[in-house]
Amino acid sequence: MTKSALIEKVAGRVEGLTWNQTEIVVETIFESMKEALARGEKIEIRGFGNFRLKQRKPRKARNPKTGESVDVPSKMVLHFKVGKALKEALNAQ
């Protein structure tokens, strides 16, 4: 599903909201989520799942083209843990 498809779906379900108003709402939600994650906060959406950042340790990797060893620095990665209701809905089919 693309962002425009999500906006279209929400605009169709919520009466009284135009497509442009719905786009602003969806953009605001995504921006709020980005800002919270950038601050290191956890995002919990009941019935859907949790988003949080994890620290990935530095490691040695290999360049597949040259075979040369490369140092990969530590970095933050996004981790998503599916919620119980979503997991059950996915496995019910």
PDB file of N, CA and C in Angstrom:
ATOM      1  N   MET A   1       0.853  -1.177   0.000  1.00  0.00           N
ATOM      2  CA  MET A   1       0.000   0.000   0.000  1.00  0.00           C
ATOM      3  C   MET A   1       0.892   1.230   0.000  1.00  0.00           C
ATOM      4  N   THR A   2       0.587   2.163  -0.866  1.00  0.00           N
ATOM      5  CA  THR A   2       1.336   3.415  -0.926  1.00  0.00           C
ATOM      6  C   THR A   2       0.679   4.464  -0.031  1.00  0.00           C
ATOM      7  N   LYS A   3       1.410   5.555   0.199  1.00  0.00           N
ATOM      8  CA  LYS A   3       0.862   6.612   1.034  1.00  0.00           C
ATOM      9  C   LYS A   3      -0.383   7.217   0.393  1.00  0.00           C
ATOM     10  N   SER A   4      -0.384   7.396  -0.925  1.00  0.00           N
ATOM     11  CA  SER A   4      -1.558   7.971  -1.592  1.00  0.00           C
ATOM     12  C   SER A   4      -2.759   7.026  -1.504  1.00  0.00           C
ATOM     13  N   ALA A   5      -2.515   5.706  -1.547  1.00  0.00           N
ATOM     14  CA  ALA A   5      -3.612   4.746  -1.393  1.00  0.00           C
ATOM     15  C   ALA A   5      -4.176   4.807   0.022  1.00  0.00           C
ATOM     16  N   LEU A   6      -3.300   4.991   1.005  1.00  0.00           N
ATOM     17  CA  LEU A   6      -3.745   5.122   2.392  1.00  0.00           C
ATOM     18  C   LEU A   6      -4.584   6.395   2.558  1.00  0.00           C
ATOM     19  N   ILE A   7      -4.127   7.492   1.980  1.00  0.00           N
ATOM     20  CA  ILE A   7      -4.866   8.758   2.053  1.00  0.00           C
ATOM     21  C   ILE A   7      -6.241   8.596   1.409  1.00  0.00           C
ATOM     22  N   GLU A   8      -6.281   7.944   0.261  1.00  0.00           N
ATOM     23  CA  GLU A   8      -7.549   7.715  -0.438  1.00  0.00           C
ATOM     24  C   GLU A   8      -8.514   6.887   0.410  1.00  0.00           C
ATOM     25  N   LYS A   9      -7.979   5.851   1.054  1.00  0.00           N
ATOM     26  CA  LYS A   9      -8.811   4.968   1.876  1.00  0.00           C
ATOM     27  C   LYS A   9      -9.383   5.729   3.077  1.00  0.00           C
ATOM     28  N   VAL A  10      -8.544   6.520   3.735  1.00  0.00           N
ATOM     29  CA  VAL A  10      -8.999   7.292   4.893  1.00  0.00           C
ATOM     30  C   VAL A  10     -10.012   8.348   4.467  1.00  0.00           C
ATOM     31  N   ALA A  11      -9.738   9.019   3.353  1.00  0.00           N
ATOM     32  CA  ALA A  11     -10.663  10.053   2.863  1.00  0.00           C
ATOM     33  C   ALA A  11     -12.017   9.451   2.518  1.00  0.00           C
ATOM     34  N   GLY A  12     -12.035   8.217   2.039  1.00  0.00           N
ATOM     35  CA  GLY A  12     -13.293   7.557   1.705  1.00  0.00           C
ATOM     36  C   GLY A  12     -14.075   7.108   2.922  1.00  0.00           C
ATOM     37  N   ARG A  13     -13.387   6.845   4.032  1.00  0.00           N
ATOM     38  CA  ARG A  13     -14.066   6.344   5.235  1.00  0.00           C
ATOM     39  C   ARG A  13     -14.507   7.443   6.191  1.00  0.00           C
ATOM     40  N   VAL A  14     -13.818   8.579   6.157  1.00  0.00           N
ATOM     41  CA  VAL A  14     -14.145   9.675   7.076  1.00  0.00           C
ATOM     42  C   VAL A  14     -14.921  10.728   6.308  1.00  0.00           C
ATOM     43  N   GLU A  15     -16.181  10.846   6.643  1.00  0.00           N
ATOM     44  CA  GLU A  15     -17.045  11.796   5.948  1.00  0.00           C
ATOM     45  C   GLU A  15     -16.707  13.220   6.366  1.00  0.00           C
ATOM     46  N   GLY A  16     -16.724  14.129   5.417  1.00  0.00           N
ATOM     47  CA  GLY A  16     -16.474  15.528   5.724  1.00  0.00           C
ATOM     48  C   GLY A  16     -15.029  15.953   5.542  1.00  0.00           C
ATOM     49  N   LEU A  17     -14.122  15.007   5.288  1.00  0.00           N
ATOM     50  CA  LEU A  17     -12.718  15.349   5.059  1.00  0.00           C
ATOM     51  C   LEU A  17     -12.417  15.283   3.569  1.00  0.00           C
ATOM     52  N   THR A  18     -11.793  16.334   3.072  1.00  0.00           N
ATOM     53  CA  THR A  18     -11.389  16.316   1.667  1.00  0.00           C
ATOM     54  C   THR A  18     -10.090  15.518   1.543  1.00  0.00           C
ATOM     55  N   TRP A  19      -9.701  15.259   0.308  1.00  0.00           N
ATOM     56  CA  TRP A  19      -8.458  14.518   0.061  1.00  0.00           C
ATOM     57  C   TRP A  19      -7.273  15.299   0.610  1.00  0.00           C
ATOM     58  N   ASN A  20      -7.273  16.628   0.410  1.00  0.00           N
ATOM     59  CA  ASN A  20      -6.172  17.470   0.893  1.00  0.00           C
ATOM     60  C   ASN A  20      -6.105  17.492   2.421  1.00  0.00           C
ATOM     61  N   GLN A  21      -7.238  17.555   3.075  1.00  0.00           N
ATOM     62  CA  GLN A  21      -7.258  17.542   4.535  1.00  0.00           C
ATOM     63  C   GLN A  21      -6.754  16.195   5.061  1.00  0.00           C
ATOM     64  N   THR A  22      -7.172  15.126   4.408  1.00  0.00           N
ATOM     65  CA  THR A  22      -6.726  13.799   4.804  1.00  0.00           C
ATOM     66  C   THR A  22      -5.235  13.652   4.600  1.00  0.00           C
ATOM     67  N   GLU A  23      -4.719  14.212   3.517  1.00  0.00           N
ATOM     68  CA  GLU A  23      -3.277  14.159   3.262  1.00  0.00           C
ATOM     69  C   GLU A  23      -2.507  14.851   4.378  1.00  0.00           C
ATOM     70  N   ILE A  24      -3.008  15.982   4.845  1.00  0.00           N
ATOM     71  CA  ILE A  24      -2.366  16.714   5.942  1.00  0.00           C
ATOM     72  C   ILE A  24      -2.370  15.874   7.214  1.00  0.00           C
ATOM     73  N   VAL A  25      -3.475  15.209   7.502  1.00  0.00           N
ATOM     74  CA  VAL A  25      -3.581  14.360   8.697  1.00  0.00           C
ATOM     75  C   VAL A  25      -2.566  13.220   8.631  1.00  0.00           C
ATOM     76  N   VAL A  26      -2.516  12.526   7.491  1.00  0.00           N
ATOM     77  CA  VAL A  26      -1.599  11.387   7.342  1.00  0.00           C
ATOM     78  C   VAL A  26      -0.145  11.858   7.423  1.00  0.00           C
ATOM     79  N   GLU A  27       0.178  12.952   6.763  1.00  0.00           N
ATOM     80  CA  GLU A  27       1.534  13.511   6.819  1.00  0.00           C
ATOM     81  C   GLU A  27       1.913  13.886   8.258  1.00  0.00           C
ATOM     82  N   THR A  28       0.973  14.467   8.983  1.00  0.00           N
ATOM     83  CA  THR A  28       1.228  14.859  10.373  1.00  0.00           C
ATOM     84  C   THR A  28       1.518  13.638  11.235  1.00  0.00           C
ATOM     85  N   ILE A  29       0.776  12.568  11.024  1.00  0.00           N
ATOM     86  CA  ILE A  29       1.011  11.329  11.778  1.00  0.00           C
ATOM     87  C   ILE A  29       2.412  10.791  11.496  1.00  0.00           C
ATOM     88  N   PHE A  30       2.769  10.709  10.211  1.00  0.00           N
ATOM     89  CA  PHE A  30       4.090  10.191   9.852  1.00  0.00           C
ATOM     90  C   PHE A  30       5.217  11.082  10.380  1.00  0.00           C
ATOM     91  N   GLU A  31       5.048  12.396  10.282  1.00  0.00           N
ATOM     92  CA  GLU A  31       6.064  13.323  10.791  1.00  0.00           C
ATOM     93  C   GLU A  31       6.209  13.190  12.307  1.00  0.00           C
ATOM     94  N   SER A  32       5.096  13.042  13.009  1.00  0.00           N
ATOM     95  CA  SER A  32       5.138  12.869  14.466  1.00  0.00           C
ATOM     96  C   SER A  32       5.869  11.586  14.836  1.00  0.00           C
ATOM     97  N   MET A  33       5.643  10.532  14.063  1.00  0.00           N
ATOM     98  CA  MET A  33       6.327   9.270  14.320  1.00  0.00           C
ATOM     99  C   MET A  33       7.831   9.411  14.081  1.00  0.00           C
ATOM    100  N   LYS A  34       8.216  10.084  12.991  1.00  0.00           N
ATOM    101  CA  LYS A  34       9.634  10.301  12.689  1.00  0.00           C
ATOM    102  C   LYS A  34      10.314  11.086  13.804  1.00  0.00           C
ATOM    103  N   GLU A  35       9.649  12.160  14.246  1.00  0.00           N
ATOM    104  CA  GLU A  35      10.216  13.005  15.297  1.00  0.00           C
ATOM    105  C   GLU A  35      10.377  12.233  16.603  1.00  0.00           C
ATOM    106  N   ALA A  36       9.388  11.423  16.956  1.00  0.00           N
ATOM    107  CA  ALA A  36       9.468  10.639  18.192  1.00  0.00           C
ATOM    108  C   ALA A  36      10.616   9.636  18.126  1.00  0.00           C
ATOM    109  N   LEU A  37      10.762   8.968  16.991  1.00  0.00           N
ATOM    110  CA  LEU A  37      11.863   8.014  16.840  1.00  0.00           C
ATOM    111  C   LEU A  37      13.215   8.721  16.853  1.00  0.00           C
ATOM    112  N   ALA A  38      13.294   9.904  16.263  1.00  0.00           N
ATOM    113  CA  ALA A  38      14.540  10.666  16.266  1.00  0.00           C
ATOM    114  C   ALA A  38      14.941  11.065  17.691  1.00  0.00           C
ATOM    115  N   ARG A  39      13.946  11.261  18.562  1.00  0.00           N
ATOM    116  CA  ARG A  39      14.216  11.575  19.978  1.00  0.00           C
ATOM    117  C   ARG A  39      14.516  10.317  20.790  1.00  0.00           C
ATOM    118  N   GLY A  40      14.432   9.152  20.151  1.00  0.00           N
ATOM    119  CA  GLY A  40      14.715   7.905  20.850  1.00  0.00           C
ATOM    120  C   GLY A  40      13.519   7.325  21.572  1.00  0.00           C
ATOM    121  N   GLU A  41      12.333   7.833  21.297  1.00  0.00           N
ATOM    122  CA  GLU A  41      11.131   7.337  21.955  1.00  0.00           C
ATOM    123  C   GLU A  41      10.611   6.085  21.258  1.00  0.00           C
ATOM    124  N   LYS A  42       9.873   5.284  22.010  1.00  0.00           N
ATOM    125  CA  LYS A  42       9.217   4.093  21.485  1.00  0.00           C
ATOM    126  C   LYS A  42       7.810   4.476  21.046  1.00  0.00           C
ATOM    127  N   ILE A  43       7.360   3.920  19.925  1.00  0.00           N
ATOM    128  CA  ILE A  43       6.004   4.166  19.449  1.00  0.00           C
ATOM    129  C   ILE A  43       5.216   2.876  19.600  1.00  0.00           C
ATOM    130  N   GLU A  44       4.132   2.941  20.356  1.00  0.00           N
ATOM    131  CA  GLU A  44       3.290   1.767  20.572  1.00  0.00           C
ATOM    132  C   GLU A  44       1.892   2.052  20.030  1.00  0.00           C
ATOM    133  N   ILE A  45       1.472   1.246  19.064  1.00  0.00           N
ATOM    134  CA  ILE A  45       0.131   1.369  18.494  1.00  0.00           C
ATOM    135  C   ILE A  45      -0.593   0.073  18.841  1.00  0.00           C
ATOM    136  N   ARG A  46      -1.477   0.139  19.818  1.00  0.00           N
ATOM    137  CA  ARG A  46      -2.180  -1.054  20.308  1.00  0.00           C
ATOM    138  C   ARG A  46      -2.873  -1.778  19.168  1.00  0.00           C
ATOM    139  N   GLY A  47      -2.715  -3.085  19.132  1.00  0.00           N
ATOM    140  CA  GLY A  47      -3.337  -3.902  18.109  1.00  0.00           C
ATOM    141  C   GLY A  47      -2.554  -3.958  16.810  1.00  0.00           C
ATOM    142  N   PHE A  48      -1.538  -3.103  16.674  1.00  0.00           N
ATOM    143  CA  PHE A  48      -0.733  -3.082  15.450  1.00  0.00           C
ATOM    144  C   PHE A  48       0.699  -3.514  15.733  1.00  0.00           C
ATOM    145  N   GLY A  49       1.389  -2.781  16.609  1.00  0.00           N
ATOM    146  CA  GLY A  49       2.751  -3.160  16.948  1.00  0.00           C
ATOM    147  C   GLY A  49       3.529  -2.019  17.574  1.00  0.00           C
ATOM    148  N   ASN A  50       4.813  -2.286  17.812  1.00  0.00           N
ATOM    149  CA  ASN A  50       5.714  -1.321  18.435  1.00  0.00           C
ATOM    150  C   ASN A  50       6.879  -1.016  17.504  1.00  0.00           C
ATOM    151  N   PHE A  51       7.257   0.254  17.441  1.00  0.00           N
ATOM    152  CA  PHE A  51       8.444   0.687  16.725  1.00  0.00           C
ATOM    153  C   PHE A  51       9.429   1.197  17.755  1.00  0.00           C
ATOM    154  N   ARG A  52      10.687   0.797  17.633  1.00  0.00           N
ATOM    155  CA  ARG A  52      11.706   1.350  18.516  1.00  0.00           C
ATOM    156  C   ARG A  52      13.055   1.242  17.839  1.00  0.00           C
ATOM    157  N   LEU A  53      14.002   2.010  18.349  1.00  0.00           N
ATOM    158  CA  LEU A  53      15.346   1.991  17.797  1.00  0.00           C
ATOM    159  C   LEU A  53      16.215   1.034  18.594  1.00  0.00           C
ATOM    160  N   LYS A  54      17.091   0.344  17.891  1.00  0.00           N
ATOM    161  CA  LYS A  54      18.071  -0.525  18.529  1.00  0.00           C
ATOM    162  C   LYS A  54      19.452  -0.108  18.053  1.00  0.00           C
ATOM    163  N   GLN A  55      20.424  -0.252  18.940  1.00  0.00           N
ATOM    164  CA  GLN A  55      21.808   0.056  18.596  1.00  0.00           C
ATOM    165  C   GLN A  55      22.444  -1.181  17.983  1.00  0.00           C
ATOM    166  N   ARG A  56      22.919  -1.062  16.759  1.00  0.00           N
ATOM    167  CA  ARG A  56      23.638  -2.164  16.113  1.00  0.00           C
ATOM    168  C   ARG A  56      25.121  -1.965  16.388  1.00  0.00           C
ATOM    169  N   LYS A  57      25.805  -3.008  16.854  1.00  0.00           N
ATOM    170  CA  LYS A  57      27.216  -2.930  17.220  1.00  0.00           C
ATOM    171  C   LYS A  57      28.101  -2.788  15.981  1.00  0.00           C
ATOM    172  N   PRO A  58      29.278  -2.183  16.157  1.00  0.00           N
ATOM    173  CA  PRO A  58      30.210  -2.127  15.027  1.00  0.00           C
ATOM    174  C   PRO A  58      30.674  -3.542  14.675  1.00  0.00           C
ATOM    175  N   ARG A  59      31.012  -3.740  13.406  1.00  0.00           N
ATOM    176  CA  ARG A  59      31.418  -5.081  12.991  1.00  0.00           C
ATOM    177  C   ARG A  59      32.355  -5.009  11.801  1.00  0.00           C
ATOM    178  N   LYS A  60      32.960  -6.125  11.508  1.00  0.00           N
ATOM    179  CA  LYS A  60      33.800  -6.271  10.320  1.00  0.00           C
ATOM    180  C   LYS A  60      32.946  -6.875   9.218  1.00  0.00           C
ATOM    181  N   ALA A  61      33.041  -6.319   8.024  1.00  0.00           N
ATOM    182  CA  ALA A  61      32.325  -6.862   6.878  1.00  0.00           C
ATOM    183  C   ALA A  61      33.332  -7.049   5.749  1.00  0.00           C
ATOM    184  N   ARG A  62      32.850  -7.619   4.656  1.00  0.00           N
ATOM    185  CA  ARG A  62      33.733  -7.863   3.526  1.00  0.00           C
ATOM    186  C   ARG A  62      33.103  -7.246   2.285  1.00  0.00           C
ATOM    187  N   ASN A  63      33.909  -6.517   1.539  1.00  0.00           N
ATOM    188  CA  ASN A  63      33.457  -5.977   0.264  1.00  0.00           C
ATOM    189  C   ASN A  63      33.385  -7.142  -0.720  1.00  0.00           C
ATOM    190  N   PRO A  64      32.188  -7.480  -1.231  1.00  0.00           N
ATOM    191  CA  PRO A  64      32.056  -8.655  -2.089  1.00  0.00           C
ATOM    192  C   PRO A  64      32.793  -8.520  -3.428  1.00  0.00           C
ATOM    193  N   LYS A  65      32.994  -7.300  -3.869  1.00  0.00           N
ATOM    194  CA  LYS A  65      33.669  -7.094  -5.155  1.00  0.00           C
ATOM    195  C   LYS A  65      35.178  -7.300  -5.056  1.00  0.00           C
ATOM    196  N   THR A  66      35.777  -6.753  -3.984  1.00  0.00           N
ATOM    197  CA  THR A  66      37.232  -6.817  -3.848  1.00  0.00           C
ATOM    198  C   THR A  66      37.692  -7.848  -2.831  1.00  0.00           C
ATOM    199  N   GLY A  67      36.802  -8.271  -1.944  1.00  0.00           N
ATOM    200  CA  GLY A  67      37.179  -9.199  -0.886  1.00  0.00           C
ATOM    201  C   GLY A  67      37.855  -8.505   0.283  1.00  0.00           C
ATOM    202  N   GLU A  68      37.976  -7.197   0.192  1.00  0.00           N
ATOM    203  CA  GLU A  68      38.646  -6.410   1.218  1.00  0.00           C
ATOM    204  C   GLU A  68      37.791  -6.314   2.481  1.00  0.00           C
ATOM    205  N   SER A  69      38.446  -6.361   3.647  1.00  0.00           N
ATOM    206  CA  SER A  69      37.748  -6.230   4.924  1.00  0.00           C
ATOM    207  C   SER A  69      37.405  -4.763   5.168  1.00  0.00           C
ATOM    208  N   VAL A  70      36.184  -4.517   5.647  1.00  0.00           N
ATOM    209  CA  VAL A  70      35.707  -3.159   5.871  1.00  0.00           C
ATOM    210  C   VAL A  70      35.136  -3.070   7.281  1.00  0.00           C
ATOM    211  N   ASP A  71      35.464  -1.958   7.959  1.00  0.00           N
ATOM    212  CA  ASP A  71      34.882  -1.715   9.280  1.00  0.00           C
ATOM    213  C   ASP A  71      33.533  -1.020   9.103  1.00  0.00           C
ATOM    214  N   VAL A  72      32.480  -1.604   9.682  1.00  0.00           N
ATOM    215  CA  VAL A  72      31.155  -1.005   9.642  1.00  0.00           C
ATOM    216  C   VAL A  72      30.895  -0.415  11.029  1.00  0.00           C
ATOM    217  N   PRO A  73      30.661   0.905  11.110  1.00  0.00           N
ATOM    218  CA  PRO A  73      30.461   1.530  12.422  1.00  0.00           C
ATOM    219  C   PRO A  73      29.115   1.147  13.043  1.00  0.00           C
ATOM    220  N   SER A  74      28.989   1.400  14.339  1.00  0.00           N
ATOM    221  CA  SER A  74      27.714   1.144  14.996  1.00  0.00           C
ATOM    222  C   SER A  74      26.689   2.136  14.474  1.00  0.00           C
ATOM    223  N   LYS A  75      25.433   1.733  14.508  1.00  0.00           N
ATOM    224  CA  LYS A  75      24.375   2.614  14.040  1.00  0.00           C
ATOM    225  C   LYS A  75      23.056   2.212  14.673  1.00  0.00           C
ATOM    226  N   MET A  76      22.108   3.143  14.586  1.00  0.00           N
ATOM    227  CA  MET A  76      20.767   2.891  15.090  1.00  0.00           C
ATOM    228  C   MET A  76      19.933   2.308  13.958  1.00  0.00           C
ATOM    229  N   VAL A  77      19.150   1.259  14.266  1.00  0.00           N
ATOM    230  CA  VAL A  77      18.261   0.649  13.274  1.00  0.00           C
ATOM    231  C   VAL A  77      16.854   0.583  13.860  1.00  0.00           C
ATOM    232  N   LEU A  78      15.875   0.672  12.979  1.00  0.00           N
ATOM    233  CA  LEU A  78      14.481   0.618  13.393  1.00  0.00           C
ATOM    234  C   LEU A  78      14.058  -0.840  13.559  1.00  0.00           C
ATOM    235  N   HIS A  79      13.405  -1.122  14.676  1.00  0.00           N
ATOM    236  CA  HIS A  79      12.918  -2.469  14.958  1.00  0.00           C
ATOM    237  C   HIS A  79      11.402  -2.393  15.116  1.00  0.00           C
ATOM    238  N   PHE A  80      10.686  -3.306  14.460  1.00  0.00           N
ATOM    239  CA  PHE A  80       9.233  -3.364  14.577  1.00  0.00           C
ATOM    240  C   PHE A  80       8.853  -4.715  15.159  1.00  0.00           C
ATOM    241  N   LYS A  81       8.034  -4.678  16.195  1.00  0.00           N
ATOM    242  CA  LYS A  81       7.517  -5.908  16.784  1.00  0.00           C
ATOM    243  C   LYS A  81       6.006  -5.897  16.584  1.00  0.00           C
ATOM    244  N   VAL A  82       5.517  -6.906  15.885  1.00  0.00           N
ATOM    245  CA  VAL A  82       4.094  -6.976  15.548  1.00  0.00           C
ATOM    246  C   VAL A  82       3.252  -7.178  16.813  1.00  0.00           C
ATOM    247  N   GLY A  83       2.085  -6.534  16.838  1.00  0.00           N
ATOM    248  CA  GLY A  83       1.174  -6.655  17.967  1.00  0.00           C
ATOM    249  C   GLY A  83       0.370  -7.947  17.902  1.00  0.00           C
ATOM    250  N   LYS A  84      -0.177  -8.340  19.034  1.00  0.00           N
ATOM    251  CA  LYS A  84      -0.914  -9.598  19.139  1.00  0.00           C
ATOM    252  C   LYS A  84      -2.103  -9.653  18.180  1.00  0.00           C
ATOM    253  N   ALA A  85      -2.906  -8.589  18.127  1.00  0.00           N
ATOM    254  CA  ALA A  85      -4.099  -8.582  17.275  1.00  0.00           C
ATOM    255  C   ALA A  85      -3.733  -8.696  15.794  1.00  0.00           C
ATOM    256  N   LEU A  86      -2.685  -8.000  15.374  1.00  0.00           N
ATOM    257  CA  LEU A  86      -2.256  -8.080  13.981  1.00  0.00           C
ATOM    258  C   LEU A  86      -1.691  -9.447  13.666  1.00  0.00           C
ATOM    259  N   LYS A  87      -0.919 -10.000  14.582  1.00  0.00           N
ATOM    260  CA  LYS A  87      -0.351 -11.337  14.380  1.00  0.00           C
ATOM    261  C   LYS A  87      -1.462 -12.383  14.222  1.00  0.00           C
ATOM    262  N   GLU A  88      -2.476 -12.282  15.078  1.00  0.00           N
ATOM    263  CA  GLU A  88      -3.605 -13.217  14.985  1.00  0.00           C
ATOM    264  C   GLU A  88      -4.378 -13.042  13.679  1.00  0.00           C
ATOM    265  N   ALA A  89      -4.555 -11.797  13.242  1.00  0.00           N
ATOM    266  CA  ALA A  89      -5.272 -11.524  11.993  1.00  0.00           C
ATOM    267  C   ALA A  89      -4.498 -12.077  10.796  1.00  0.00           C
ATOM    268  N   LEU A  90      -3.190 -11.956  10.820  1.00  0.00           N
ATOM    269  CA  LEU A  90      -2.371 -12.469   9.724  1.00  0.00           C
ATOM    270  C   LEU A  90      -2.347 -13.991   9.675  1.00  0.00           C
ATOM    271  N   ASN A  91      -2.369 -14.617  10.833  1.00  0.00           N
ATOM    272  CA  ASN A  91      -2.288 -16.062  10.888  1.00  0.00           C
ATOM    273  C   ASN A  91      -3.654 -16.754  10.784  1.00  0.00           C
ATOM    274  N   ALA A  92      -4.733 -15.975  10.799  1.00  0.00           N
ATOM    275  CA  ALA A  92      -6.083 -16.557  10.715  1.00  0.00           C
ATOM    276  C   ALA A  92      -6.439 -16.992   9.299  1.00  0.00           C
ATOM    277  N   GLN A  93      -5.716 -16.497   8.320  1.00  0.00           N
ATOM    278  CA  GLN A  93      -6.048 -16.808   6.924  1.00  0.00           C
ATOM    279  C   GLN A  93      -5.413 -18.073   6.451  1.00  0.00           C
TER     280      GLN A  93
END
